[in-house]
Amino acid sequence: MHLRKSEILSRFQCQKSGNCCKAGGYVYLTGLELENMARVVGLSVPDFREKYVVTHNGWDLIATPTHRPRCFLDENDRCTVYEARPIACRSYPDW
């Protein structure tokens, strides 16, 4: 499987299952990603940061195993910020 990783990932398409958010781990944000997500949810950057972001060792995170582990999933396991999701989410399952 490791030898075919690139081929497998090149064919992967988001299934909109929410599995990326349920996989556990840490979702880091860049400044631009934070701005985009704040815009999508209709908050200012400071308000978004206060409501959704934790900082650990200088990094901004929107999800950790103990902080918002389901990230932005709704009750139907759909990402409510899909169009502005960070690279960590966009690159799933290539973690």
N, C-alpha and C. Protein backbone atom coordinates (compact mmCIF):
# COMPACT_ATOMS: atom_id res chain seq x y z
N MET A 1 0.83 -1.17 0.00
CA MET A 1 0.00 0.00 0.00
C MET A 1 0.88 1.26 0.00
N HIS A 2 1.97 1.23 0.78
CA HIS A 2 2.86 2.38 0.85
C HIS A 2 3.41 2.73 -0.54
N LEU A 3 3.72 1.72 -1.33
CA LEU A 3 4.25 1.95 -2.67
C LEU A 3 3.21 2.57 -3.60
N ARG A 4 1.95 2.41 -3.30
CA ARG A 4 0.88 2.95 -4.14
C ARG A 4 0.22 4.18 -3.54
N LYS A 5 0.82 4.74 -2.50
CA LYS A 5 0.24 5.87 -1.78
C LYS A 5 -0.12 7.03 -2.72
N SER A 6 0.80 7.45 -3.56
CA SER A 6 0.54 8.58 -4.45
C SER A 6 -0.63 8.30 -5.39
N GLU A 7 -0.67 7.10 -5.92
CA GLU A 7 -1.77 6.73 -6.82
C GLU A 7 -3.11 6.72 -6.09
N ILE A 8 -3.11 6.15 -4.89
CA ILE A 8 -4.34 6.08 -4.10
C ILE A 8 -4.83 7.49 -3.77
N LEU A 9 -3.92 8.34 -3.29
CA LEU A 9 -4.31 9.70 -2.91
C LEU A 9 -4.75 10.53 -4.11
N SER A 10 -4.16 10.28 -5.27
CA SER A 10 -4.55 11.05 -6.45
C SER A 10 -5.99 10.75 -6.87
N ARG A 11 -6.50 9.62 -6.46
CA ARG A 11 -7.87 9.22 -6.82
C ARG A 11 -8.88 9.51 -5.71
N PHE A 12 -8.37 9.93 -4.55
CA PHE A 12 -9.26 10.16 -3.42
C PHE A 12 -10.13 11.39 -3.67
N GLN A 13 -11.41 11.26 -3.37
CA GLN A 13 -12.34 12.38 -3.42
C GLN A 13 -13.09 12.43 -2.10
N CYS A 14 -13.33 13.64 -1.65
CA CYS A 14 -14.04 13.82 -0.39
C CYS A 14 -15.40 13.13 -0.46
N GLN A 15 -15.69 12.34 0.54
CA GLN A 15 -16.96 11.62 0.61
C GLN A 15 -18.00 12.37 1.44
N LYS A 16 -17.57 13.50 2.03
CA LYS A 16 -18.44 14.31 2.89
C LYS A 16 -19.06 13.46 4.01
N SER A 17 -18.20 12.60 4.57
CA SER A 17 -18.63 11.70 5.64
C SER A 17 -18.32 12.24 7.02
N GLY A 18 -17.44 13.24 7.10
CA GLY A 18 -17.01 13.76 8.39
C GLY A 18 -15.91 12.93 9.03
N ASN A 19 -15.42 11.90 8.33
CA ASN A 19 -14.40 11.04 8.91
C ASN A 19 -13.11 11.79 9.22
N CYS A 20 -12.79 12.81 8.45
CA CYS A 20 -11.58 13.59 8.72
C CYS A 20 -11.68 14.25 10.09
N CYS A 21 -12.84 14.76 10.44
CA CYS A 21 -13.03 15.41 11.74
C CYS A 21 -13.12 14.41 12.88
N LYS A 22 -13.50 13.20 12.58
CA LYS A 22 -13.65 12.19 13.62
C LYS A 22 -12.39 11.36 13.79
N ALA A 23 -11.36 11.63 12.99
CA ALA A 23 -10.13 10.83 13.02
C ALA A 23 -9.27 11.12 14.24
N GLY A 24 -9.49 12.24 14.89
CA GLY A 24 -8.66 12.61 16.03
C GLY A 24 -7.41 13.32 15.56
N GLY A 25 -6.76 13.96 16.45
CA GLY A 25 -5.54 14.67 16.10
C GLY A 25 -5.68 16.16 16.31
N TYR A 26 -4.83 16.90 15.63
CA TYR A 26 -4.73 18.34 15.81
C TYR A 26 -4.94 19.04 14.47
N VAL A 27 -5.78 20.07 14.47
CA VAL A 27 -6.01 20.85 13.26
C VAL A 27 -5.43 22.26 13.49
N TYR A 28 -4.31 22.50 12.81
CA TYR A 28 -3.61 23.78 12.91
C TYR A 28 -4.13 24.74 11.86
N LEU A 29 -4.01 26.03 12.16
CA LEU A 29 -4.48 27.08 11.25
C LEU A 29 -3.37 28.06 10.92
N THR A 30 -3.36 28.52 9.67
CA THR A 30 -2.54 29.66 9.32
C THR A 30 -3.39 30.91 9.55
N GLY A 31 -2.77 32.06 9.50
CA GLY A 31 -3.51 33.30 9.65
C GLY A 31 -4.57 33.48 8.59
N LEU A 32 -4.25 33.15 7.35
CA LEU A 32 -5.21 33.27 6.26
C LEU A 32 -6.38 32.30 6.43
N GLU A 33 -6.09 31.08 6.86
CA GLU A 33 -7.16 30.11 7.11
C GLU A 33 -8.08 30.61 8.21
N LEU A 34 -7.50 31.17 9.25
CA LEU A 34 -8.30 31.72 10.34
C LEU A 34 -9.21 32.83 9.83
N GLU A 35 -8.68 33.72 9.02
CA GLU A 35 -9.48 34.81 8.44
C GLU A 35 -10.62 34.26 7.58
N ASN A 36 -10.32 33.28 6.74
CA ASN A 36 -11.34 32.69 5.86
C ASN A 36 -12.45 32.00 6.65
N MET A 37 -12.06 31.27 7.68
CA MET A 37 -13.07 30.58 8.49
C MET A 37 -13.92 31.58 9.24
N ALA A 38 -13.31 32.63 9.76
CA ALA A 38 -14.08 33.66 10.47
C ALA A 38 -15.10 34.29 9.54
N ARG A 39 -14.70 34.55 8.31
CA ARG A 39 -15.62 35.14 7.33
C ARG A 39 -16.79 34.21 7.07
N VAL A 40 -16.51 32.93 6.89
CA VAL A 40 -17.56 31.95 6.58
C VAL A 40 -18.58 31.83 7.72
N VAL A 41 -18.11 31.89 8.96
CA VAL A 41 -19.05 31.77 10.08
C VAL A 41 -19.64 33.13 10.48
N GLY A 42 -19.19 34.19 9.83
CA GLY A 42 -19.77 35.51 10.08
C GLY A 42 -19.28 36.20 11.34
N LEU A 43 -18.03 35.94 11.71
CA LEU A 43 -17.45 36.57 12.90
C LEU A 43 -16.22 37.36 12.53
N SER A 44 -15.89 38.32 13.37
CA SER A 44 -14.61 39.01 13.21
C SER A 44 -13.51 38.03 13.59
N VAL A 45 -12.30 38.29 13.15
CA VAL A 45 -11.18 37.42 13.50
C VAL A 45 -11.00 37.32 15.02
N PRO A 46 -11.02 38.44 15.76
CA PRO A 46 -10.89 38.31 17.21
C PRO A 46 -12.02 37.49 17.86
N ASP A 47 -13.24 37.66 17.39
CA ASP A 47 -14.36 36.89 17.95
C ASP A 47 -14.24 35.41 17.59
N PHE A 48 -13.84 35.11 16.36
CA PHE A 48 -13.64 33.72 15.95
C PHE A 48 -12.55 33.09 16.80
N ARG A 49 -11.46 33.81 16.96
CA ARG A 49 -10.33 33.31 17.75
C ARG A 49 -10.79 33.00 19.19
N GLU A 50 -11.52 33.91 19.78
CA GLU A 50 -11.98 33.72 21.15
C GLU A 50 -12.92 32.52 21.28
N LYS A 51 -13.78 32.34 20.30
CA LYS A 51 -14.80 31.30 20.38
C LYS A 51 -14.28 29.91 19.99
N TYR A 52 -13.38 29.84 19.01
CA TYR A 52 -13.02 28.54 18.43
C TYR A 52 -11.56 28.13 18.53
N VAL A 53 -10.65 29.04 18.80
CA VAL A 53 -9.23 28.74 18.67
C VAL A 53 -8.55 28.60 20.03
N VAL A 54 -7.66 27.61 20.11
CA VAL A 54 -6.74 27.52 21.24
C VAL A 54 -5.33 27.67 20.67
N THR A 55 -4.44 28.17 21.48
CA THR A 55 -3.05 28.31 21.05
C THR A 55 -2.19 27.40 21.90
N HIS A 56 -1.32 26.64 21.22
CA HIS A 56 -0.43 25.72 21.91
C HIS A 56 0.96 25.85 21.30
N ASN A 57 1.93 26.19 22.12
CA ASN A 57 3.31 26.39 21.65
C ASN A 57 3.40 27.36 20.48
N GLY A 58 2.57 28.39 20.49
CA GLY A 58 2.59 29.40 19.45
C GLY A 58 1.77 29.07 18.22
N TRP A 59 1.14 27.91 18.19
CA TRP A 59 0.34 27.49 17.04
C TRP A 59 -1.15 27.67 17.35
N ASP A 60 -1.91 28.12 16.37
CA ASP A 60 -3.36 28.20 16.50
C ASP A 60 -3.98 26.88 16.07
N LEU A 61 -4.89 26.38 16.88
CA LEU A 61 -5.59 25.13 16.58
C LEU A 61 -7.09 25.32 16.72
N ILE A 62 -7.85 24.68 15.83
CA ILE A 62 -9.30 24.70 15.98
C ILE A 62 -9.85 23.38 16.49
N ALA A 63 -9.00 22.37 16.55
CA ALA A 63 -9.43 21.08 17.08
C ALA A 63 -8.22 20.33 17.62
N THR A 64 -8.44 19.67 18.76
CA THR A 64 -7.47 18.76 19.36
C THR A 64 -8.29 17.61 19.94
N PRO A 65 -7.65 16.58 20.45
CA PRO A 65 -8.45 15.51 21.05
C PRO A 65 -9.33 15.98 22.21
N THR A 66 -8.98 17.11 22.84
CA THR A 66 -9.78 17.59 23.97
C THR A 66 -10.48 18.92 23.71
N HIS A 67 -10.15 19.61 22.65
CA HIS A 67 -10.77 20.90 22.30
C HIS A 67 -11.50 20.76 20.98
N ARG A 68 -12.83 20.75 21.04
CA ARG A 68 -13.67 20.67 19.86
C ARG A 68 -13.28 19.49 18.96
N PRO A 69 -13.26 18.26 19.48
CA PRO A 69 -12.80 17.11 18.69
C PRO A 69 -13.64 16.83 17.44
N ARG A 70 -14.85 17.36 17.36
CA ARG A 70 -15.65 17.19 16.14
C ARG A 70 -15.58 18.44 15.26
N CYS A 71 -14.71 19.34 15.64
CA CYS A 71 -14.43 20.54 14.86
C CYS A 71 -15.70 21.28 14.46
N PHE A 72 -15.98 21.38 13.17
CA PHE A 72 -17.15 22.12 12.69
C PHE A 72 -18.21 21.19 12.08
N LEU A 73 -18.28 19.95 12.54
CA LEU A 73 -19.30 19.03 12.02
C LEU A 73 -20.66 19.37 12.61
N ASP A 74 -21.67 19.30 11.75
CA ASP A 74 -23.04 19.49 12.24
C ASP A 74 -23.61 18.13 12.67
N GLU A 75 -24.87 18.10 13.01
CA GLU A 75 -25.50 16.87 13.49
C GLU A 75 -25.59 15.78 12.43
N ASN A 76 -25.39 16.14 11.15
CA ASN A 76 -25.39 15.16 10.06
C ASN A 76 -23.98 14.83 9.59
N ASP A 77 -22.98 15.17 10.39
CA ASP A 77 -21.57 14.95 10.08
C ASP A 77 -21.11 15.68 8.83
N ARG A 78 -21.69 16.83 8.57
CA ARG A 78 -21.28 17.69 7.45
C ARG A 78 -20.46 18.85 7.99
N CYS A 79 -19.41 19.19 7.29
CA CYS A 79 -18.55 20.29 7.71
C CYS A 79 -19.25 21.62 7.39
N THR A 80 -19.43 22.43 8.41
CA THR A 80 -20.14 23.69 8.23
C THR A 80 -19.24 24.80 7.70
N VAL A 81 -17.95 24.54 7.59
CA VAL A 81 -17.00 25.53 7.04
C VAL A 81 -16.24 24.92 5.86
N TYR A 82 -16.86 23.99 5.17
CA TYR A 82 -16.19 23.21 4.13
C TYR A 82 -15.42 24.08 3.14
N GLU A 83 -16.02 25.15 2.65
CA GLU A 83 -15.35 25.97 1.64
C GLU A 83 -14.14 26.72 2.18
N ALA A 84 -14.00 26.81 3.50
CA ALA A 84 -12.87 27.51 4.10
C ALA A 84 -12.04 26.59 5.01
N ARG A 85 -12.21 25.30 4.86
CA ARG A 85 -11.50 24.37 5.75
C ARG A 85 -9.99 24.50 5.54
N PRO A 86 -9.22 24.30 6.60
CA PRO A 86 -7.77 24.44 6.50
C PRO A 86 -7.10 23.32 5.73
N ILE A 87 -5.84 23.51 5.41
CA ILE A 87 -5.09 22.53 4.62
C ILE A 87 -5.08 21.16 5.30
N ALA A 88 -5.06 21.14 6.62
CA ALA A 88 -5.08 19.85 7.32
C ALA A 88 -6.31 19.05 6.91
N CYS A 89 -7.43 19.71 6.76
CA CYS A 89 -8.66 19.05 6.35
C CYS A 89 -8.67 18.74 4.86
N ARG A 90 -8.17 19.68 4.08
CA ARG A 90 -8.13 19.49 2.62
C ARG A 90 -7.21 18.34 2.22
N SER A 91 -6.19 18.07 3.01
CA SER A 91 -5.21 17.05 2.66
C SER A 91 -5.55 15.68 3.22
N TYR A 92 -6.62 15.57 4.00
CA TYR A 92 -7.04 14.26 4.51
C TYR A 92 -7.35 13.34 3.33
N PRO A 93 -6.93 12.12 3.32
CA PRO A 93 -6.34 11.31 4.37
C PRO A 93 -4.81 11.27 4.36
N ASP A 94 -4.15 12.21 3.73
CA ASP A 94 -2.68 12.21 3.64
C ASP A 94 -2.06 12.91 4.85
N TRP A 95 -2.27 12.33 6.01
CA TRP A 95 -1.69 12.91 7.22
C TRP A 95 -0.41 12.20 7.53
